[in-house]
Amino acid sequence: MVTSSDVPAQLVDAEFETIWSRVQHEVESHGRSFEDEGTTEEAAREQYRKIAERRVRSGLVVAEIGNKNDVNVTEEEHQQALIAEVRRFPGREQQVYDYYRKNPQALAGLRAPVFENKVVDYVADSGEITDKKMTRAELAKLIRADEDEVPEEHHH
């Protein structure tokens, strides 16, 4: 497994900044402070840094398995991911679709979960992952473990 000392610090920093700005935005937009939430800014930073590290680590593991085994997302699969995303916003499909067409980065972001799922499937099919047997559910859980801990971004 990738240990935390192997995790490139700048990746963790970048992930942490993303999470942290979202957290701060949530707190401020609700006119609350960390103390209101029963914590301190220091403690919150530490907790979210751990989440950032875990995310980066599970992302690296997934990327490594995927790259080693030539797992790729096809153009068609990418399109399907976009369609699935658009369908989540009934009545606003066109808006959402245009948003992704205009934002290559957002569009590329849709590719990541597809890639993760394919790697998970690949691992499940080959039945081997690193040193211990891991079920598809466990791997999927590892990948999504921390998403519940971070306040969701509000989609516009």
C-alpha atoms as a PDB file:
ATOM      1  CA  MET A   1       0.000   0.000   0.000  1.00  0.00           C
ATOM      2  CA  VAL A   2       1.035   3.608  -0.425  1.00  0.00           C
ATOM      3  CA  THR A   3       2.123   4.998   2.920  1.00  0.00           C
ATOM      4  CA  SER A   4       1.504   8.591   3.894  1.00  0.00           C
ATOM      5  CA  SER A   5       5.204   9.378   3.536  1.00  0.00           C
ATOM      6  CA  ASP A   6       4.949   8.455  -0.167  1.00  0.00           C
ATOM      7  CA  VAL A   7       2.071  10.795  -0.838  1.00  0.00           C
ATOM      8  CA  PRO A   8       3.288  13.810  -2.772  1.00  0.00           C
ATOM      9  CA  ALA A   9       2.819  16.739  -0.421  1.00  0.00           C
ATOM     10  CA  GLN A  10       1.651  19.111  -3.116  1.00  0.00           C
ATOM     11  CA  LEU A  11      -1.180  16.769  -4.076  1.00  0.00           C
ATOM     12  CA  VAL A  12      -2.328  16.654  -0.487  1.00  0.00           C
ATOM     13  CA  ASP A  13      -2.006  20.432  -0.188  1.00  0.00           C
ATOM     14  CA  ALA A  14      -4.068  20.978  -3.304  1.00  0.00           C
ATOM     15  CA  GLU A  15      -6.766  18.570  -2.162  1.00  0.00           C
ATOM     16  CA  PHE A  16      -6.760  20.138   1.290  1.00  0.00           C
ATOM     17  CA  GLU A  17      -7.153  23.652  -0.149  1.00  0.00           C
ATOM     18  CA  THR A  18     -10.140  22.500  -2.182  1.00  0.00           C
ATOM     19  CA  ILE A  19     -11.809  20.922   0.815  1.00  0.00           C
ATOM     20  CA  TRP A  20     -10.888  23.748   3.160  1.00  0.00           C
ATOM     21  CA  SER A  21     -12.240  26.538   0.973  1.00  0.00           C
ATOM     22  CA  ARG A  22     -15.502  24.608   0.726  1.00  0.00           C
ATOM     23  CA  VAL A  23     -15.626  24.136   4.490  1.00  0.00           C
ATOM     24  CA  GLN A  24     -14.922  27.811   5.129  1.00  0.00           C
ATOM     25  CA  HIS A  25     -17.533  28.812   2.598  1.00  0.00           C
ATOM     26  CA  GLU A  26     -20.107  26.569   4.301  1.00  0.00           C
ATOM     27  CA  VAL A  27     -19.306  27.945   7.737  1.00  0.00           C
ATOM     28  CA  GLU A  28     -19.313  31.582   6.627  1.00  0.00           C
ATOM     29  CA  SER A  29     -22.367  31.378   4.420  1.00  0.00           C
ATOM     30  CA  HIS A  30     -24.330  30.086   7.391  1.00  0.00           C
ATOM     31  CA  GLY A  31     -22.903  32.806   9.602  1.00  0.00           C
ATOM     32  CA  ARG A  32     -21.408  30.255  11.941  1.00  0.00           C
ATOM     33  CA  SER A  33     -17.994  29.766  13.449  1.00  0.00           C
ATOM     34  CA  PHE A  34     -16.007  26.613  14.115  1.00  0.00           C
ATOM     35  CA  GLU A  35     -16.740  27.117  17.796  1.00  0.00           C
ATOM     36  CA  ASP A  36     -20.475  26.944  17.016  1.00  0.00           C
ATOM     37  CA  GLU A  37     -19.799  23.559  15.473  1.00  0.00           C
ATOM     38  CA  GLY A  38     -18.173  22.441  18.684  1.00  0.00           C
ATOM     39  CA  THR A  39     -14.652  22.491  17.301  1.00  0.00           C
ATOM     40  CA  THR A  40     -11.791  24.894  16.675  1.00  0.00           C
ATOM     41  CA  GLU A  41     -10.315  25.979  13.392  1.00  0.00           C
ATOM     42  CA  GLU A  42      -7.104  24.137  14.304  1.00  0.00           C
ATOM     43  CA  ALA A  43      -8.899  20.867  14.991  1.00  0.00           C
ATOM     44  CA  ALA A  44     -10.993  21.216  11.843  1.00  0.00           C
ATOM     45  CA  ARG A  45      -7.896  21.861   9.711  1.00  0.00           C
ATOM     46  CA  GLU A  46      -6.227  18.790  11.116  1.00  0.00           C
ATOM     47  CA  GLN A  47      -9.254  16.607  10.487  1.00  0.00           C
ATOM     48  CA  TYR A  48      -9.686  17.795   6.893  1.00  0.00           C
ATOM     49  CA  ARG A  49      -5.975  17.406   6.202  1.00  0.00           C
ATOM     50  CA  LYS A  50      -6.309  13.749   7.160  1.00  0.00           C
ATOM     51  CA  ILE A  51      -9.252  13.429   4.780  1.00  0.00           C
ATOM     52  CA  ALA A  52      -7.207  15.084   2.015  1.00  0.00           C
ATOM     53  CA  GLU A  53      -4.376  12.631   2.635  1.00  0.00           C
ATOM     54  CA  ARG A  54      -6.698   9.650   2.517  1.00  0.00           C
ATOM     55  CA  ARG A  55      -8.318  10.861  -0.678  1.00  0.00           C
ATOM     56  CA  VAL A  56      -5.021  11.418  -2.402  1.00  0.00           C
ATOM     57  CA  ARG A  57      -3.779   8.046  -1.208  1.00  0.00           C
ATOM     58  CA  SER A  58      -6.808   6.102  -2.425  1.00  0.00           C
ATOM     59  CA  GLY A  59      -6.693   8.092  -5.669  1.00  0.00           C
ATOM     60  CA  LEU A  60      -3.057   7.149  -6.187  1.00  0.00           C
ATOM     61  CA  VAL A  61      -3.718   3.484  -5.509  1.00  0.00           C
ATOM     62  CA  VAL A  62      -6.565   3.494  -8.017  1.00  0.00           C
ATOM     63  CA  ALA A  63      -4.507   5.370 -10.611  1.00  0.00           C
ATOM     64  CA  GLU A  64      -1.596   3.006 -10.169  1.00  0.00           C
ATOM     65  CA  ILE A  65      -3.712  -0.120 -10.641  1.00  0.00           C
ATOM     66  CA  GLY A  66      -5.475   1.479 -13.594  1.00  0.00           C
ATOM     67  CA  ASN A  67      -2.299   2.567 -15.329  1.00  0.00           C
ATOM     68  CA  LYS A  68      -0.547  -0.720 -14.763  1.00  0.00           C
ATOM     69  CA  ASN A  69      -3.445  -2.603 -16.284  1.00  0.00           C
ATOM     70  CA  ASP A  70      -4.296  -0.218 -19.101  1.00  0.00           C
ATOM     71  CA  VAL A  71      -7.700   0.686 -17.744  1.00  0.00           C
ATOM     72  CA  ASN A  72      -9.040   3.499 -19.877  1.00  0.00           C
ATOM     73  CA  VAL A  73     -12.255   5.456 -20.099  1.00  0.00           C
ATOM     74  CA  THR A  74     -13.616   5.425 -23.637  1.00  0.00           C
ATOM     75  CA  GLU A  75     -15.155   8.462 -25.277  1.00  0.00           C
ATOM     76  CA  GLU A  76     -18.487   6.646 -25.197  1.00  0.00           C
ATOM     77  CA  GLU A  77     -18.259   5.976 -21.468  1.00  0.00           C
ATOM     78  CA  HIS A  78     -17.358   9.610 -20.902  1.00  0.00           C
ATOM     79  CA  GLN A  79     -20.459  10.660 -22.847  1.00  0.00           C
ATOM     80  CA  GLN A  80     -22.614   8.283 -20.809  1.00  0.00           C
ATOM     81  CA  ALA A  81     -21.256   9.804 -17.607  1.00  0.00           C
ATOM     82  CA  LEU A  82     -22.178  13.254 -18.906  1.00  0.00           C
ATOM     83  CA  ILE A  83     -25.687  12.106 -19.812  1.00  0.00           C
ATOM     84  CA  ALA A  84     -26.143  10.517 -16.387  1.00  0.00           C
ATOM     85  CA  GLU A  85     -25.016  13.744 -14.734  1.00  0.00           C
ATOM     86  CA  VAL A  86     -27.339  15.869 -16.887  1.00  0.00           C
ATOM     87  CA  ARG A  87     -30.285  13.608 -15.986  1.00  0.00           C
ATOM     88  CA  ARG A  88     -29.767  14.425 -12.330  1.00  0.00           C
ATOM     89  CA  PHE A  89     -31.118  17.912 -13.024  1.00  0.00           C
ATOM     90  CA  PRO A  90     -34.592  17.523 -14.519  1.00  0.00           C
ATOM     91  CA  GLY A  91     -35.732  20.680 -16.257  1.00  0.00           C
ATOM     92  CA  ARG A  92     -32.201  22.088 -16.300  1.00  0.00           C
ATOM     93  CA  GLU A  93     -30.589  19.544 -18.625  1.00  0.00           C
ATOM     94  CA  GLN A  94     -29.557  22.065 -21.264  1.00  0.00           C
ATOM     95  CA  GLN A  95     -28.030  24.379 -18.667  1.00  0.00           C
ATOM     96  CA  VAL A  96     -26.028  21.588 -17.077  1.00  0.00           C
ATOM     97  CA  TYR A  97     -24.946  20.237 -20.463  1.00  0.00           C
ATOM     98  CA  ASP A  98     -23.742  23.682 -21.578  1.00  0.00           C
ATOM     99  CA  TYR A  99     -21.902  24.141 -18.306  1.00  0.00           C
ATOM    100  CA  TYR A 100     -19.883  20.971 -18.937  1.00  0.00           C
ATOM    101  CA  ARG A 101     -19.244  21.817 -22.591  1.00  0.00           C
ATOM    102  CA  LYS A 102     -17.802  25.172 -21.514  1.00  0.00           C
ATOM    103  CA  ASN A 103     -15.760  23.768 -18.630  1.00  0.00           C
ATOM    104  CA  PRO A 104     -13.290  21.149 -19.833  1.00  0.00           C
ATOM    105  CA  GLN A 105     -12.084  20.701 -16.251  1.00  0.00           C
ATOM    106  CA  ALA A 106     -15.543  19.918 -14.939  1.00  0.00           C
ATOM    107  CA  LEU A 107     -16.032  17.575 -17.866  1.00  0.00           C
ATOM    108  CA  ALA A 108     -12.740  15.840 -17.117  1.00  0.00           C
ATOM    109  CA  GLY A 109     -13.922  15.480 -13.534  1.00  0.00           C
ATOM    110  CA  LEU A 110     -16.747  13.246 -14.740  1.00  0.00           C
ATOM    111  CA  ARG A 111     -14.155  10.863 -16.089  1.00  0.00           C
ATOM    112  CA  ALA A 112     -12.601  10.156 -12.676  1.00  0.00           C
ATOM    113  CA  PRO A 113     -15.517   8.237 -11.116  1.00  0.00           C
ATOM    114  CA  VAL A 114     -15.890   6.180 -14.314  1.00  0.00           C
ATOM    115  CA  PHE A 115     -12.192   5.358 -14.201  1.00  0.00           C
ATOM    116  CA  GLU A 116     -12.460   4.444 -10.508  1.00  0.00           C
ATOM    117  CA  ASN A 117     -15.394   2.145 -11.174  1.00  0.00           C
ATOM    118  CA  LYS A 118     -13.572   0.432 -14.022  1.00  0.00           C
ATOM    119  CA  VAL A 119     -10.533  -0.129 -11.828  1.00  0.00           C
ATOM    120  CA  VAL A 120     -12.794  -1.487  -9.088  1.00  0.00           C
ATOM    121  CA  ASP A 121     -14.383  -3.838 -11.634  1.00  0.00           C
ATOM    122  CA  TYR A 122     -11.001  -4.860 -12.962  1.00  0.00           C
ATOM    123  CA  VAL A 123      -9.762  -5.668  -9.465  1.00  0.00           C
ATOM    124  CA  ALA A 124     -12.957  -7.535  -8.617  1.00  0.00           C
ATOM    125  CA  ASP A 125     -12.660  -9.615 -11.795  1.00  0.00           C
ATOM    126  CA  SER A 126      -8.999 -10.429 -11.413  1.00  0.00           C
ATOM    127  CA  GLY A 127      -9.603 -11.070  -7.731  1.00  0.00           C
ATOM    128  CA  GLU A 128      -6.267  -9.758  -6.592  1.00  0.00           C
ATOM    129  CA  ILE A 129      -5.325  -6.491  -5.035  1.00  0.00           C
ATOM    130  CA  THR A 130      -2.020  -5.712  -3.362  1.00  0.00           C
ATOM    131  CA  ASP A 131      -1.349  -8.027  -0.464  1.00  0.00           C
ATOM    132  CA  LYS A 132      -4.821  -8.720   0.809  1.00  0.00           C
ATOM    133  CA  LYS A 133      -8.021  -9.829  -0.793  1.00  0.00           C
ATOM    134  CA  MET A 134     -10.385  -6.945  -1.075  1.00  0.00           C
ATOM    135  CA  THR A 135     -13.951  -7.048  -2.228  1.00  0.00           C
ATOM    136  CA  ARG A 136     -15.386  -4.655  -4.763  1.00  0.00           C
ATOM    137  CA  ALA A 137     -17.499  -3.104  -2.004  1.00  0.00           C
ATOM    138  CA  GLU A 138     -14.479  -2.546   0.201  1.00  0.00           C
ATOM    139  CA  LEU A 139     -12.505  -0.888  -2.550  1.00  0.00           C
ATOM    140  CA  ALA A 140     -15.460   1.277  -3.503  1.00  0.00           C
ATOM    141  CA  LYS A 141     -15.815   2.185   0.159  1.00  0.00           C
ATOM    142  CA  LEU A 142     -12.153   3.126   0.361  1.00  0.00           C
ATOM    143  CA  ILE A 143     -12.570   5.428  -2.611  1.00  0.00           C
ATOM    144  CA  ARG A 144     -15.694   7.082  -1.287  1.00  0.00           C
ATOM    145  CA  ALA A 145     -14.953   6.760   2.416  1.00  0.00           C
ATOM    146  CA  ASP A 146     -14.496  10.423   3.074  1.00  0.00           C
ATOM    147  CA  GLU A 147     -17.064  11.955   0.803  1.00  0.00           C
ATOM    148  CA  ASP A 148     -19.625  11.930   3.585  1.00  0.00           C
ATOM    149  CA  GLU A 149     -17.319  13.900   5.831  1.00  0.00           C
ATOM    150  CA  VAL A 150     -17.009  16.917   3.581  1.00  0.00           C
ATOM    151  CA  PRO A 151     -19.907  19.323   3.081  1.00  0.00           C
ATOM    152  CA  GLU A 152     -21.201  18.991  -0.449  1.00  0.00           C
ATOM    153  CA  GLU A 153     -20.696  21.803  -2.886  1.00  0.00           C
ATOM    154  CA  HIS A 154     -23.961  23.325  -3.960  1.00  0.00           C
ATOM    155  CA  HIS A 155     -24.403  22.859  -7.678  1.00  0.00           C
ATOM    156  CA  HIS A 156     -25.636  25.897  -9.474  1.00  0.00           C
END
